[in-house]
């Protein structure tokens, strides 16, 4: 998967953060694109749309290295479609996706970017 470091993030990431950046990039290299979409992006699309049982077609997603609460993290921007929900533009931190449990989905939803496009 292609993981980018955006210009704005380069201003905030220091040399001391580089081992964490490298570790995060390596974790994405180990994970296949298909697995990432079927696990993390699908579960975050369900949280964003508050629909538990629907599958989404992930039309596009980008991963960007950034800082989240003074820690190196990755921001995922995804475009999802479902016939019942419509189009959704969602954004989330990978650390949030990796910490999802049944009890904290409302808390994670509050930290997400969600925008709907209804037909």
C-alpha atoms as a PDB file:
ATOM      1  CA  UNK A   1       0.000   0.000   0.000  1.00  0.00           C
ATOM      2  CA  UNK A   2       1.150   3.505  -0.733  1.00  0.00           C
ATOM      3  CA  UNK A   3       1.658   5.511   2.456  1.00  0.00           C
ATOM      4  CA  UNK A   4       2.436   9.212   2.078  1.00  0.00           C
ATOM      5  CA  UNK A   5       3.879  11.856   4.359  1.00  0.00           C
ATOM      6  CA  UNK A   6       2.151  15.107   3.504  1.00  0.00           C
ATOM      7  CA  UNK A   7       3.901  18.493   3.452  1.00  0.00           C
ATOM      8  CA  UNK A   8       2.052  19.713   6.540  1.00  0.00           C
ATOM      9  CA  UNK A   9       3.028  16.586   8.489  1.00  0.00           C
ATOM     10  CA  UNK A  10       6.686  17.045   7.549  1.00  0.00           C
ATOM     11  CA  UNK A  11       6.661  20.266   9.557  1.00  0.00           C
ATOM     12  CA  UNK A  12       5.562  18.388  12.692  1.00  0.00           C
ATOM     13  CA  UNK A  13       7.442  15.090  12.419  1.00  0.00           C
ATOM     14  CA  UNK A  14      10.962  15.302  13.839  1.00  0.00           C
ATOM     15  CA  UNK A  15      14.025  13.100  13.482  1.00  0.00           C
ATOM     16  CA  UNK A  16      13.144  11.552  16.834  1.00  0.00           C
ATOM     17  CA  UNK A  17       9.849  10.383  15.282  1.00  0.00           C
ATOM     18  CA  UNK A  18      11.485   8.633  12.321  1.00  0.00           C
ATOM     19  CA  UNK A  19      11.774   5.179  13.976  1.00  0.00           C
ATOM     20  CA  UNK A  20       8.023   5.290  14.682  1.00  0.00           C
ATOM     21  CA  UNK A  21       7.343   6.410  11.094  1.00  0.00           C
ATOM     22  CA  UNK A  22       9.435   3.543   9.748  1.00  0.00           C
ATOM     23  CA  UNK A  23       7.680   1.037  12.038  1.00  0.00           C
ATOM     24  CA  UNK A  24       4.260   2.287  10.924  1.00  0.00           C
ATOM     25  CA  UNK A  25       5.214   2.057   7.240  1.00  0.00           C
ATOM     26  CA  UNK A  26       6.519  -1.486   7.792  1.00  0.00           C
ATOM     27  CA  UNK A  27       3.232  -2.525   9.407  1.00  0.00           C
ATOM     28  CA  UNK A  28       1.393  -1.365   6.266  1.00  0.00           C
ATOM     29  CA  UNK A  29       3.810  -3.253   4.025  1.00  0.00           C
ATOM     30  CA  UNK A  30       3.060  -6.473   5.916  1.00  0.00           C
ATOM     31  CA  UNK A  31      -0.696  -5.997   5.507  1.00  0.00           C
ATOM     32  CA  UNK A  32      -2.247  -6.529   2.109  1.00  0.00           C
ATOM     33  CA  UNK A  33      -4.487  -3.878   0.607  1.00  0.00           C
ATOM     34  CA  UNK A  34      -7.387  -6.344   0.509  1.00  0.00           C
ATOM     35  CA  UNK A  35      -7.028  -7.197   4.213  1.00  0.00           C
ATOM     36  CA  UNK A  36      -6.828  -3.528   5.193  1.00  0.00           C
ATOM     37  CA  UNK A  37     -10.003  -2.731   3.258  1.00  0.00           C
ATOM     38  CA  UNK A  38     -11.930  -5.766   4.497  1.00  0.00           C
ATOM     39  CA  UNK A  39     -11.002  -5.205   8.149  1.00  0.00           C
ATOM     40  CA  UNK A  40     -10.193  -1.624   9.114  1.00  0.00           C
ATOM     41  CA  UNK A  41     -11.893   0.411   6.402  1.00  0.00           C
ATOM     42  CA  UNK A  42     -15.088  -1.682   6.427  1.00  0.00           C
ATOM     43  CA  UNK A  43     -15.415  -1.543  10.225  1.00  0.00           C
ATOM     44  CA  UNK A  44     -14.801   2.201  10.295  1.00  0.00           C
ATOM     45  CA  UNK A  45     -17.379   2.723   7.503  1.00  0.00           C
ATOM     46  CA  UNK A  46     -19.909   0.831   9.621  1.00  0.00           C
ATOM     47  CA  UNK A  47     -19.105   3.005  12.650  1.00  0.00           C
ATOM     48  CA  UNK A  48     -19.280   6.192  10.567  1.00  0.00           C
ATOM     49  CA  UNK A  49     -22.687   5.308   9.138  1.00  0.00           C
ATOM     50  CA  UNK A  50     -23.926   3.579  12.300  1.00  0.00           C
ATOM     51  CA  UNK A  51     -24.956   0.569  10.213  1.00  0.00           C
ATOM     52  CA  UNK A  52     -23.843  -2.697  11.719  1.00  0.00           C
ATOM     53  CA  UNK A  53     -24.664  -5.264   9.068  1.00  0.00           C
ATOM     54  CA  UNK A  54     -24.034  -3.559   5.738  1.00  0.00           C
ATOM     55  CA  UNK A  55     -21.036  -4.152   3.525  1.00  0.00           C
ATOM     56  CA  UNK A  56     -19.555  -1.166   1.735  1.00  0.00           C
ATOM     57  CA  UNK A  57     -17.834  -0.853  -1.587  1.00  0.00           C
ATOM     58  CA  UNK A  58     -14.638   1.079  -0.891  1.00  0.00           C
ATOM     59  CA  UNK A  59     -14.155   3.248  -3.945  1.00  0.00           C
ATOM     60  CA  UNK A  60     -10.870   4.871  -2.950  1.00  0.00           C
ATOM     61  CA  UNK A  61      -8.675   5.366   0.088  1.00  0.00           C
ATOM     62  CA  UNK A  62      -5.463   7.200   0.935  1.00  0.00           C
ATOM     63  CA  UNK A  63      -3.125   6.757   3.897  1.00  0.00           C
ATOM     64  CA  UNK A  64      -1.090   9.678   5.221  1.00  0.00           C
ATOM     65  CA  UNK A  65       1.464   9.681   8.031  1.00  0.00           C
ATOM     66  CA  UNK A  66       0.688  12.411  10.561  1.00  0.00           C
ATOM     67  CA  UNK A  67       0.809  13.320  14.243  1.00  0.00           C
ATOM     68  CA  UNK A  68      -2.138  12.482  16.488  1.00  0.00           C
ATOM     69  CA  UNK A  69      -1.969  13.681  20.088  1.00  0.00           C
ATOM     70  CA  UNK A  70       1.850  14.041  19.810  1.00  0.00           C
ATOM     71  CA  UNK A  71       2.227  10.459  18.541  1.00  0.00           C
ATOM     72  CA  UNK A  72       3.029   9.301  15.025  1.00  0.00           C
ATOM     73  CA  UNK A  73      -0.127   7.923  13.441  1.00  0.00           C
ATOM     74  CA  UNK A  74      -1.729   7.523  10.028  1.00  0.00           C
ATOM     75  CA  UNK A  75      -4.845   9.253   8.754  1.00  0.00           C
ATOM     76  CA  UNK A  76      -7.023   7.290   6.347  1.00  0.00           C
ATOM     77  CA  UNK A  77      -9.382   9.084   3.982  1.00  0.00           C
ATOM     78  CA  UNK A  78     -11.863   6.682   2.369  1.00  0.00           C
ATOM     79  CA  UNK A  79     -14.818   6.934   0.023  1.00  0.00           C
ATOM     80  CA  UNK A  80     -17.417   4.241   0.613  1.00  0.00           C
ATOM     81  CA  UNK A  81     -20.708   3.348  -1.049  1.00  0.00           C
ATOM     82  CA  UNK A  82     -23.652   1.280   0.056  1.00  0.00           C
ATOM     83  CA  UNK A  83     -27.054   1.112  -1.646  1.00  0.00           C
ATOM     84  CA  UNK A  84     -28.898   1.723   1.662  1.00  0.00           C
ATOM     85  CA  UNK A  85     -26.627   4.435   3.040  1.00  0.00           C
ATOM     86  CA  UNK A  86     -25.374   6.136  -0.128  1.00  0.00           C
ATOM     87  CA  UNK A  87     -21.905   7.646  -0.477  1.00  0.00           C
ATOM     88  CA  UNK A  88     -19.808   8.439   2.561  1.00  0.00           C
ATOM     89  CA  UNK A  89     -16.524  10.306   2.810  1.00  0.00           C
ATOM     90  CA  UNK A  90     -14.854   9.123   6.011  1.00  0.00           C
ATOM     91  CA  UNK A  91     -11.575   9.910   7.690  1.00  0.00           C
ATOM     92  CA  UNK A  92     -10.049   8.201  10.698  1.00  0.00           C
ATOM     93  CA  UNK A  93      -6.807   7.558  12.522  1.00  0.00           C
ATOM     94  CA  UNK A  94      -5.368   4.064  12.147  1.00  0.00           C
ATOM     95  CA  UNK A  95      -4.721   3.886  15.899  1.00  0.00           C
ATOM     96  CA  UNK A  96      -8.480   4.329  16.413  1.00  0.00           C
ATOM     97  CA  UNK A  97      -9.257   1.588  13.885  1.00  0.00           C
ATOM     98  CA  UNK A  98      -6.879  -0.774  15.656  1.00  0.00           C
ATOM     99  CA  UNK A  99      -8.523  -0.053  19.027  1.00  0.00           C
ATOM    100  CA  UNK A 100     -12.168  -0.578  18.042  1.00  0.00           C
ATOM    101  CA  UNK A 101     -14.254  -2.661  20.394  1.00  0.00           C
ATOM    102  CA  UNK A 102     -17.989  -2.913  20.848  1.00  0.00           C
ATOM    103  CA  UNK A 103     -17.857  -0.522  23.774  1.00  0.00           C
ATOM    104  CA  UNK A 104     -15.942   2.406  22.305  1.00  0.00           C
ATOM    105  CA  UNK A 105     -17.509   2.903  18.864  1.00  0.00           C
ATOM    106  CA  UNK A 106     -19.273   6.138  19.923  1.00  0.00           C
ATOM    107  CA  UNK A 107     -16.013   7.568  21.236  1.00  0.00           C
ATOM    108  CA  UNK A 108     -14.214   6.680  17.999  1.00  0.00           C
ATOM    109  CA  UNK A 109     -17.082   8.122  15.925  1.00  0.00           C
ATOM    110  CA  UNK A 110     -16.547  11.454  17.685  1.00  0.00           C
ATOM    111  CA  UNK A 111     -12.926  11.537  16.438  1.00  0.00           C
ATOM    112  CA  UNK A 112     -13.801  10.635  12.831  1.00  0.00           C
ATOM    113  CA  UNK A 113     -14.496  12.848   9.852  1.00  0.00           C
ATOM    114  CA  UNK A 114     -17.812  11.829   8.272  1.00  0.00           C
ATOM    115  CA  UNK A 115     -19.658  13.389   5.354  1.00  0.00           C
ATOM    116  CA  UNK A 116     -22.634  11.839   3.556  1.00  0.00           C
ATOM    117  CA  UNK A 117     -23.797  12.265  -0.020  1.00  0.00           C
ATOM    118  CA  UNK A 118     -27.354  10.995  -0.379  1.00  0.00           C
ATOM    119  CA  UNK A 119     -28.950  10.123  -3.677  1.00  0.00           C
END
